[in-house]
C-alpha atoms as a PDB file:
ATOM      1  CA  MET A   1      -0.011   0.061   0.015  1.00  0.00           C
ATOM      2  CA  GLY A   2       1.526   3.361  -1.168  1.00  0.00           C
ATOM      3  CA  ILE A   3       2.186   6.086   1.586  1.00  0.00           C
ATOM      4  CA  ARG A   4      -0.523   8.358   0.140  1.00  0.00           C
ATOM      5  CA  ARG A   5      -3.215   5.769   0.292  1.00  0.00           C
ATOM      6  CA  LEU A   6      -2.285   4.506   3.877  1.00  0.00           C
ATOM      7  CA  ALA A   7      -2.008   8.131   5.150  1.00  0.00           C
ATOM      8  CA  ARG A   8      -5.470   8.901   3.770  1.00  0.00           C
ATOM      9  CA  LYS A   9      -6.763   6.004   5.543  1.00  0.00           C
ATOM     10  CA  LEU A  10      -5.061   6.386   8.816  1.00  0.00           C
ATOM     11  CA  SER A  11      -5.675  10.217   8.961  1.00  0.00           C
ATOM     12  CA  HIS A  12      -9.459  10.120   8.283  1.00  0.00           C
ATOM     13  CA  SER A  13     -10.606  10.829  11.725  1.00  0.00           C
ATOM     14  CA  ILE A  14      -8.114  13.574  12.119  1.00  0.00           C
ATOM     15  CA  HIS A  15      -8.334  15.026   8.822  1.00  0.00           C
ATOM     16  CA  LYS A  16     -12.131  15.704   9.619  1.00  0.00           C
ATOM     17  CA  ARG A  17     -10.996  18.121  12.245  1.00  0.00           C
ATOM     18  CA  LEU A  18      -8.368  19.954  10.745  1.00  0.00           C
ATOM     19  CA  PRO A  19      -8.905  23.859  10.386  1.00  0.00           C
ATOM     20  CA  GLY A  20     -11.531  24.661   7.995  1.00  0.00           C
ATOM     21  CA  LYS A  21     -13.552  21.713   9.023  1.00  0.00           C
ATOM     22  CA  GLY A  22     -15.036  23.096  12.188  1.00  0.00           C
ATOM     23  CA  SER A  23     -18.001  25.267  12.519  1.00  0.00           C
ATOM     24  CA  SER A  24     -18.004  26.658  16.228  1.00  0.00           C
ATOM     25  CA  ALA A  25     -17.944  30.478  16.449  1.00  0.00           C
ATOM     26  CA  GLY A  26     -14.766  30.363  18.622  1.00  0.00           C
ATOM     27  CA  ASN A  27     -12.848  28.296  16.220  1.00  0.00           C
ATOM     28  CA  ARG A  28     -13.790  30.549  13.379  1.00  0.00           C
ATOM     29  CA  ALA A  29     -12.692  33.674  15.455  1.00  0.00           C
ATOM     30  CA  ILE A  30      -9.290  32.033  16.183  1.00  0.00           C
ATOM     31  CA  ARG A  31      -8.851  30.931  12.577  1.00  0.00           C
ATOM     32  CA  SER A  32      -9.860  34.372  11.050  1.00  0.00           C
ATOM     33  CA  GLU A  33      -7.010  36.026  12.938  1.00  0.00           C
ATOM     34  CA  VAL A  34      -4.287  33.815  11.522  1.00  0.00           C
ATOM     35  CA  PRO A  35      -4.915  32.361   8.194  1.00  0.00           C
ATOM     36  CA  PHE A  36      -3.017  29.275   6.743  1.00  0.00           C
ATOM     37  CA  LEU A  37      -0.773  30.752   4.297  1.00  0.00           C
ATOM     38  CA  VAL A  38       1.763  28.334   3.197  1.00  0.00           C
ATOM     39  CA  PRO A  39       0.943  26.381  -0.091  1.00  0.00           C
ATOM     40  CA  SER A  40      -0.101  22.741   0.316  1.00  0.00           C
ATOM     41  CA  ASN A  41       1.234  19.857  -1.578  1.00  0.00           C
ATOM     42  CA  PRO A  42       1.064  16.168  -1.553  1.00  0.00           C
ATOM     43  CA  LEU A  43       4.331  14.284  -0.687  1.00  0.00           C
ATOM     44  CA  GLU A  44       4.852  12.978  -4.302  1.00  0.00           C
ATOM     45  CA  ARG A  45       4.717  16.473  -5.474  1.00  0.00           C
ATOM     46  CA  LEU A  46       7.646  17.616  -3.335  1.00  0.00           C
ATOM     47  CA  PHE A  47       9.598  14.492  -3.986  1.00  0.00           C
ATOM     48  CA  GLN A  48       9.788  12.202  -6.942  1.00  0.00           C
ATOM     49  CA  ASN A  49       8.146   9.037  -5.918  1.00  0.00           C
ATOM     50  CA  GLY A  50       7.765  10.343  -2.421  1.00  0.00           C
ATOM     51  CA  ASP A  51       4.543   8.276  -1.958  1.00  0.00           C
ATOM     52  CA  GLN A  52       6.421   4.895  -2.745  1.00  0.00           C
ATOM     53  CA  VAL A  53       9.411   5.015  -0.484  1.00  0.00           C
ATOM     54  CA  ASP A  54       9.937   2.162   1.676  1.00  0.00           C
ATOM     55  CA  VAL A  55       9.450   3.183   5.469  1.00  0.00           C
ATOM     56  CA  THR A  56      10.068   1.330   8.618  1.00  0.00           C
ATOM     57  CA  MET A  57       7.590   1.613  11.402  1.00  0.00           C
ATOM     58  CA  LEU A  58       7.647  -0.209  14.870  1.00  0.00           C
ATOM     59  CA  PRO A  59       4.259  -1.423  16.419  1.00  0.00           C
ATOM     60  CA  ARG A  60       5.375   0.399  19.568  1.00  0.00           C
ATOM     61  CA  LEU A  61       4.559   3.802  17.728  1.00  0.00           C
ATOM     62  CA  ILE A  62       0.857   3.017  17.837  1.00  0.00           C
ATOM     63  CA  ARG A  63      -0.601   6.115  19.513  1.00  0.00           C
ATOM     64  CA  SER A  64      -0.770   5.760  23.196  1.00  0.00           C
ATOM     65  CA  HIS A  65      -1.015   9.409  24.446  1.00  0.00           C
ATOM     66  CA  LYS A  66      -3.185  12.435  23.274  1.00  0.00           C
ATOM     67  CA  TRP A  67      -0.131  14.438  22.579  1.00  0.00           C
ATOM     68  CA  ALA A  68       1.673  11.620  20.760  1.00  0.00           C
ATOM     69  CA  MET A  69       2.006  12.065  16.922  1.00  0.00           C
ATOM     70  CA  PRO A  70      -0.621   9.830  15.004  1.00  0.00           C
ATOM     71  CA  GLU A  71       0.289   6.947  12.919  1.00  0.00           C
ATOM     72  CA  HIS A  72       0.034   8.587   9.536  1.00  0.00           C
ATOM     73  CA  GLU A  73       2.146  11.675  10.348  1.00  0.00           C
ATOM     74  CA  LEU A  74       4.797   9.221  11.853  1.00  0.00           C
ATOM     75  CA  LEU A  75       4.746   7.443   8.468  1.00  0.00           C
ATOM     76  CA  THR A  76       5.240  10.702   6.674  1.00  0.00           C
ATOM     77  CA  LEU A  77       7.903  11.729   9.080  1.00  0.00           C
ATOM     78  CA  GLY A  78       9.794   8.384   8.430  1.00  0.00           C
ATOM     79  CA  ALA A  79       9.264   8.946   4.640  1.00  0.00           C
ATOM     80  CA  LEU A  80      10.888  12.350   4.932  1.00  0.00           C
ATOM     81  CA  ALA A  81      13.961  10.972   6.719  1.00  0.00           C
ATOM     82  CA  ALA A  82      14.198   8.391   4.201  1.00  0.00           C
ATOM     83  CA  LEU A  83      13.917  10.858   1.305  1.00  0.00           C
ATOM     84  CA  LEU A  84      16.068  13.658   2.628  1.00  0.00           C
ATOM     85  CA  LYS A  85      18.938  11.232   3.796  1.00  0.00           C
ATOM     86  CA  PRO A  86      20.170  13.551   6.616  1.00  0.00           C
ATOM     87  CA  LYS A  87      23.506  12.930   8.381  1.00  0.00           C
ATOM     88  CA  LEU A  88      22.427  14.890  11.303  1.00  0.00           C
ATOM     89  CA  VAL A  89      19.023  15.737  12.460  1.00  0.00           C
ATOM     90  CA  VAL A  90      18.337  18.053  15.527  1.00  0.00           C
ATOM     91  CA  GLU A  91      14.820  17.836  17.029  1.00  0.00           C
ATOM     92  CA  PHE A  92      13.310  20.254  19.432  1.00  0.00           C
ATOM     93  CA  GLY A  93      10.694  18.505  21.527  1.00  0.00           C
ATOM     94  CA  THR A  94      11.561  14.832  22.374  1.00  0.00           C
ATOM     95  CA  PHE A  95       8.341  14.042  24.443  1.00  0.00           C
ATOM     96  CA  MET A  96       8.050  10.242  24.540  1.00  0.00           C
ATOM     97  CA  GLY A  97      10.293   9.910  21.607  1.00  0.00           C
ATOM     98  CA  GLY A  98       7.835   8.572  18.951  1.00  0.00           C
ATOM     99  CA  SER A  99       9.061  10.980  16.261  1.00  0.00           C
ATOM    100  CA  THR A 100      12.644  10.482  17.225  1.00  0.00           C
ATOM    101  CA  LEU A 101      12.145   6.670  16.569  1.00  0.00           C
ATOM    102  CA  ALA A 102      10.412   7.108  13.298  1.00  0.00           C
ATOM    103  CA  MET A 103      13.192   9.250  11.907  1.00  0.00           C
ATOM    104  CA  ALA A 104      16.018   7.020  13.526  1.00  0.00           C
ATOM    105  CA  ALA A 105      14.563   4.050  11.959  1.00  0.00           C
ATOM    106  CA  ASN A 106      14.672   5.410   8.407  1.00  0.00           C
ATOM    107  CA  ILE A 107      18.093   7.293   8.354  1.00  0.00           C
ATOM    108  CA  ALA A 108      21.448   5.655   7.462  1.00  0.00           C
ATOM    109  CA  SER A 109      23.470   3.778  10.090  1.00  0.00           C
ATOM    110  CA  ASP A 110      26.188   6.414  10.263  1.00  0.00           C
ATOM    111  CA  SER A 111      23.490   9.248  10.703  1.00  0.00           C
ATOM    112  CA  ARG A 112      22.439  10.583  14.190  1.00  0.00           C
ATOM    113  CA  ILE A 113      20.015  12.559  15.713  1.00  0.00           C
ATOM    114  CA  VAL A 114      20.246  15.015  18.708  1.00  0.00           C
ATOM    115  CA  THR A 115      16.865  15.447  20.255  1.00  0.00           C
ATOM    116  CA  ILE A 116      16.169  18.234  22.969  1.00  0.00           C
ATOM    117  CA  ASP A 117      13.576  18.427  25.679  1.00  0.00           C
ATOM    118  CA  LEU A 118      13.238  20.061  29.055  1.00  0.00           C
ATOM    119  CA  GLU A 119      14.865  18.816  32.039  1.00  0.00           C
ATOM    120  CA  PRO A 120      12.212  16.699  33.764  1.00  0.00           C
ATOM    121  CA  THR A 121      12.684  18.671  37.027  1.00  0.00           C
ATOM    122  CA  ALA A 122      11.652  21.922  35.072  1.00  0.00           C
ATOM    123  CA  ARG A 123       8.202  20.572  33.798  1.00  0.00           C
ATOM    124  CA  LYS A 124       6.081  21.466  36.667  1.00  0.00           C
ATOM    125  CA  THR A 125       7.079  25.193  36.474  1.00  0.00           C
ATOM    126  CA  HIS A 126       7.054  25.442  32.706  1.00  0.00           C
ATOM    127  CA  VAL A 127       5.002  28.207  31.368  1.00  0.00           C
ATOM    128  CA  HIS A 128       3.461  27.461  28.031  1.00  0.00           C
ATOM    129  CA  GLY A 129       0.437  27.918  25.794  1.00  0.00           C
ATOM    130  CA  MET A 130      -2.002  26.134  28.047  1.00  0.00           C
ATOM    131  CA  GLY A 131      -0.688  27.395  31.343  1.00  0.00           C
ATOM    132  CA  VAL A 132       1.861  26.150  33.729  1.00  0.00           C
ATOM    133  CA  GLY A 133       3.190  22.716  34.208  1.00  0.00           C
ATOM    134  CA  LEU A 134       3.290  19.554  32.020  1.00  0.00           C
ATOM    135  CA  SER A 135       1.979  16.149  32.523  1.00  0.00           C
ATOM    136  CA  GLU A 136       4.163  13.241  33.786  1.00  0.00           C
ATOM    137  CA  PHE A 137       5.955  11.092  31.025  1.00  0.00           C
ATOM    138  CA  GLU A 138       9.179   9.410  30.527  1.00  0.00           C
ATOM    139  CA  VAL A 139      11.217  11.460  27.993  1.00  0.00           C
ATOM    140  CA  GLY A 140      12.301   9.167  24.988  1.00  0.00           C
ATOM    141  CA  CYS A 141      10.753   5.946  26.385  1.00  0.00           C
ATOM    142  CA  LEU A 142       9.661   4.719  22.916  1.00  0.00           C
ATOM    143  CA  PHE A 143      13.175   4.780  21.356  1.00  0.00           C
ATOM    144  CA  LYS A 144      14.928   3.345  24.418  1.00  0.00           C
ATOM    145  CA  GLY A 145      15.887  -0.372  24.169  1.00  0.00           C
ATOM    146  CA  THR A 146      15.368  -0.365  20.300  1.00  0.00           C
ATOM    147  CA  PRO A 147      18.097  -1.208  17.733  1.00  0.00           C
ATOM    148  CA  TYR A 148      17.944   2.576  16.662  1.00  0.00           C
ATOM    149  CA  GLU A 149      18.827   4.042  20.034  1.00  0.00           C
ATOM    150  CA  SER A 150      22.474   4.167  19.261  1.00  0.00           C
ATOM    151  CA  LYS A 151      21.765   6.720  16.703  1.00  0.00           C
ATOM    152  CA  ILE A 152      20.087   9.040  19.162  1.00  0.00           C
ATOM    153  CA  GLN A 153      21.564  11.492  21.643  1.00  0.00           C
ATOM    154  CA  GLN A 154      19.297  12.998  24.303  1.00  0.00           C
ATOM    155  CA  ARG A 155      20.022  16.401  25.489  1.00  0.00           C
ATOM    156  CA  PHE A 156      18.033  18.667  28.052  1.00  0.00           C
ATOM    157  CA  ALA A 157      17.540  22.308  27.737  1.00  0.00           C
ATOM    158  CA  ASN A 158      14.832  24.882  27.296  1.00  0.00           C
ATOM    159  CA  SER A 159      14.978  25.231  23.481  1.00  0.00           C
ATOM    160  CA  VAL A 160      14.728  29.152  23.684  1.00  0.00           C
ATOM    161  CA  GLU A 161      18.076  28.881  25.800  1.00  0.00           C
ATOM    162  CA  PHE A 162      19.650  26.331  23.637  1.00  0.00           C
ATOM    163  CA  THR A 163      23.238  27.364  22.696  1.00  0.00           C
ATOM    164  CA  ASP A 164      25.233  24.142  21.982  1.00  0.00           C
ATOM    165  CA  GLN A 165      27.862  25.462  19.580  1.00  0.00           C
ATOM    166  CA  ASP A 166      28.852  22.112  18.218  1.00  0.00           C
ATOM    167  CA  LEU A 167      25.638  21.883  16.374  1.00  0.00           C
ATOM    168  CA  ILE A 168      25.847  25.390  14.667  1.00  0.00           C
ATOM    169  CA  GLY A 169      25.859  24.948  11.015  1.00  0.00           C
ATOM    170  CA  GLN A 170      25.913  21.152  11.050  1.00  0.00           C
ATOM    171  CA  ALA A 171      22.196  19.867  10.707  1.00  0.00           C
ATOM    172  CA  ASP A 172      20.893  18.680   7.493  1.00  0.00           C
ATOM    173  CA  LEU A 173      17.306  18.570   9.043  1.00  0.00           C
ATOM    174  CA  VAL A 174      15.767  20.509  12.130  1.00  0.00           C
ATOM    175  CA  PHE A 175      12.481  19.238  13.277  1.00  0.00           C
ATOM    176  CA  VAL A 176      10.535  21.814  15.507  1.00  0.00           C
ATOM    177  CA  ASP A 177       7.975  20.386  17.764  1.00  0.00           C
ATOM    178  CA  ALA A 178       8.465  21.815  21.171  1.00  0.00           C
ATOM    179  CA  ASP A 179       6.445  24.545  22.832  1.00  0.00           C
ATOM    180  CA  HIS A 180       3.720  25.757  20.444  1.00  0.00           C
ATOM    181  CA  THR A 181       3.462  29.315  21.906  1.00  0.00           C
ATOM    182  CA  TYR A 182       4.453  31.973  19.355  1.00  0.00           C
ATOM    183  CA  GLU A 183       7.392  33.113  21.117  1.00  0.00           C
ATOM    184  CA  PHE A 184       8.898  29.668  21.604  1.00  0.00           C
ATOM    185  CA  ALA A 185       7.962  28.740  17.963  1.00  0.00           C
ATOM    186  CA  LYS A 186       9.593  31.803  16.423  1.00  0.00           C
ATOM    187  CA  ARG A 187      12.681  31.525  18.622  1.00  0.00           C
ATOM    188  CA  ASP A 188      13.067  27.875  17.708  1.00  0.00           C
ATOM    189  CA  THR A 189      12.627  28.658  14.013  1.00  0.00           C
ATOM    190  CA  GLN A 190      15.527  31.128  14.514  1.00  0.00           C
ATOM    191  CA  THR A 191      17.851  28.665  16.211  1.00  0.00           C
ATOM    192  CA  ALA A 192      17.010  26.217  13.533  1.00  0.00           C
ATOM    193  CA  LEU A 193      18.232  28.586  10.931  1.00  0.00           C
ATOM    194  CA  GLN A 194      21.643  28.818  12.880  1.00  0.00           C
ATOM    195  CA  LEU A 195      21.973  25.045  13.133  1.00  0.00           C
ATOM    196  CA  LEU A 196      21.278  24.254   9.591  1.00  0.00           C
ATOM    197  CA  LYS A 197      23.737  23.407   6.906  1.00  0.00           C
ATOM    198  CA  PRO A 198      23.222  25.514   3.464  1.00  0.00           C
ATOM    199  CA  ASN A 199      20.346  24.017   1.691  1.00  0.00           C
ATOM    200  CA  GLY A 200      19.161  22.192   4.985  1.00  0.00           C
ATOM    201  CA  THR A 201      15.523  21.472   5.773  1.00  0.00           C
ATOM    202  CA  ILE A 202      13.288  22.801   8.463  1.00  0.00           C
ATOM    203  CA  LEU A 203      10.203  20.669   9.401  1.00  0.00           C
ATOM    204  CA  TRP A 204       7.557  22.089  11.817  1.00  0.00           C
ATOM    205  CA  HIS A 205       4.668  20.103  13.351  1.00  0.00           C
ATOM    206  CA  ASP A 206       1.193  21.674  13.961  1.00  0.00           C
ATOM    207  CA  TYR A 207       1.191  24.259  11.463  1.00  0.00           C
ATOM    208  CA  THR A 208      -2.248  23.223  10.983  1.00  0.00           C
ATOM    209  CA  TRP A 209      -4.204  21.938  13.989  1.00  0.00           C
ATOM    210  CA  GLU A 210      -7.208  20.471  15.509  1.00  0.00           C
ATOM    211  CA  PRO A 211      -9.981  22.869  16.659  1.00  0.00           C
ATOM    212  CA  GLU A 212      -9.360  21.655  20.333  1.00  0.00           C
ATOM    213  CA  ASN A 213      -5.860  22.658  20.213  1.00  0.00           C
ATOM    214  CA  PRO A 214      -5.989  26.491  19.431  1.00  0.00           C
ATOM    215  CA  GLU A 215      -2.454  26.972  21.215  1.00  0.00           C
ATOM    216  CA  CYS A 216      -0.882  25.644  18.039  1.00  0.00           C
ATOM    217  CA  VAL A 217      -1.740  29.119  16.442  1.00  0.00           C
ATOM    218  CA  GLY A 218       1.649  30.121  17.857  1.00  0.00           C
ATOM    219  CA  VAL A 219       3.280  27.720  15.361  1.00  0.00           C
ATOM    220  CA  THR A 220       0.907  29.050  12.397  1.00  0.00           C
ATOM    221  CA  ARG A 221       1.903  32.519  12.936  1.00  0.00           C
ATOM    222  CA  ALA A 222       5.565  31.761  13.342  1.00  0.00           C
ATOM    223  CA  VAL A 223       5.663  29.745  10.135  1.00  0.00           C
ATOM    224  CA  ASN A 224       3.742  32.135   8.161  1.00  0.00           C
ATOM    225  CA  GLU A 225       6.088  35.045   9.022  1.00  0.00           C
ATOM    226  CA  PHE A 226       8.866  32.795   8.039  1.00  0.00           C
ATOM    227  CA  TRP A 227       7.415  31.847   4.856  1.00  0.00           C
ATOM    228  CA  GLU A 228       6.654  35.497   3.774  1.00  0.00           C
ATOM    229  CA  THR A 229      10.524  36.505   4.608  1.00  0.00           C
ATOM    230  CA  HIS A 230      12.215  33.209   3.252  1.00  0.00           C
ATOM    231  CA  GLY A 231       9.703  31.365   0.846  1.00  0.00           C
ATOM    232  CA  SER A 232      10.396  27.828  -0.010  1.00  0.00           C
ATOM    233  CA  CYS A 233       7.861  26.396   2.130  1.00  0.00           C
ATOM    234  CA  SER A 234       4.924  23.841   1.769  1.00  0.00           C
ATOM    235  CA  GLN A 235       2.398  22.415   4.056  1.00  0.00           C
ATOM    236  CA  ILE A 236       2.475  18.639   3.651  1.00  0.00           C
ATOM    237  CA  GLU A 237      -1.125  17.538   2.329  1.00  0.00           C
ATOM    238  CA  GLY A 238      -3.037  15.408   4.783  1.00  0.00           C
ATOM    239  CA  THR A 239      -0.683  16.111   7.670  1.00  0.00           C
ATOM    240  CA  ARG A 240      -0.074  19.009  10.108  1.00  0.00           C
ATOM    241  CA  PHE A 241       3.600  19.391   8.686  1.00  0.00           C
ATOM    242  CA  ALA A 242       5.074  22.341   7.055  1.00  0.00           C
ATOM    243  CA  LEU A 243       8.620  22.300   5.671  1.00  0.00           C
ATOM    244  CA  HIS A 244      11.170  24.768   4.352  1.00  0.00           C
ATOM    245  CA  MET A 245      13.358  23.524   1.846  1.00  0.00           C
ATOM    246  CA  PRO A 246      15.393  25.594  -0.574  1.00  0.00           C
ATOM    247  CA  GLY A 247      14.286  24.993  -4.141  1.00  0.00           C
ATOM    248  CA  ILE A 248      10.963  23.420  -3.209  1.00  0.00           C
ATOM    249  CA  ALA A 249       8.355  23.335  -5.915  1.00  0.00           C
ATOM    250  CA  CYS A 250       4.993  24.447  -4.400  1.00  0.00           C
ATOM    251  CA  ASN A 251       2.090  24.543  -6.828  1.00  0.00           C
ATOM    252  CA  SER A 252      -0.939  24.860  -4.928  1.00  0.00           C
ATOM    253  CA  LYS A 253      -2.403  26.698  -2.057  1.00  0.00           C
ATOM    254  CA  LEU A 254      -4.007  25.603   1.282  1.00  0.00           C
ATOM    255  CA  LYS A 255      -7.215  27.350   1.633  1.00  0.00           C
ATOM    256  CA  SER A 256      -7.258  30.330   3.990  1.00  0.00           C
ATOM    257  CA  ALA A 257      -8.597  29.444   7.527  1.00  0.00           C
ATOM    258  CA  ALA A 258     -10.702  32.720   7.485  1.00  0.00           C
END
């Protein structure tokens, strides 16, 4: 089964609730303030045969937490890792490590991922888009004990204070999926640019979002601003991903959320 067909099948329930599908007055008000401007393209338009690439997925990636990435997006993330062939991936926002594992399983044996999350002791006092404090979870538990763990290095820091000099200008891919508040998303995007090699790729999660997660509007706003300044961005059809890749061909538009 091709990626596009499987993604459509797996994403049916979530796709019904993507922005533009809801009808409540509150959601319309939020959406009208920050429209979705980035052009939308299917994976196979962005990458030749992008919907036919072989992807490794582990059963432990079946969704087990409301904050965890759904399976069709993990599939897409694995496909992107396989297609981009990055030597170094930097990830902002480890959480339980599902996205980290999806990428690690689909990069070369000599590639590596540096994934960054808050120190566990800082969770209770962390101020974010939904208030203060985060739920309890084991950081990176999904990739621990797998054959792919050796490709992954866990680092702890608040992403807006992340200054590890050894990564500057070294990353082929930076995946931004940490705090979704505008100030954090904007700062993470600025840091991503510093970490990237020339012609590297930035990938954001939750550029589009479900109506019950309006805090993700911060990501939408930050990515819109980036696209207006830098261009070369696309939202990946059927997912909540947006990516920046120099020279990307974008031929269609995602309907405005207004």
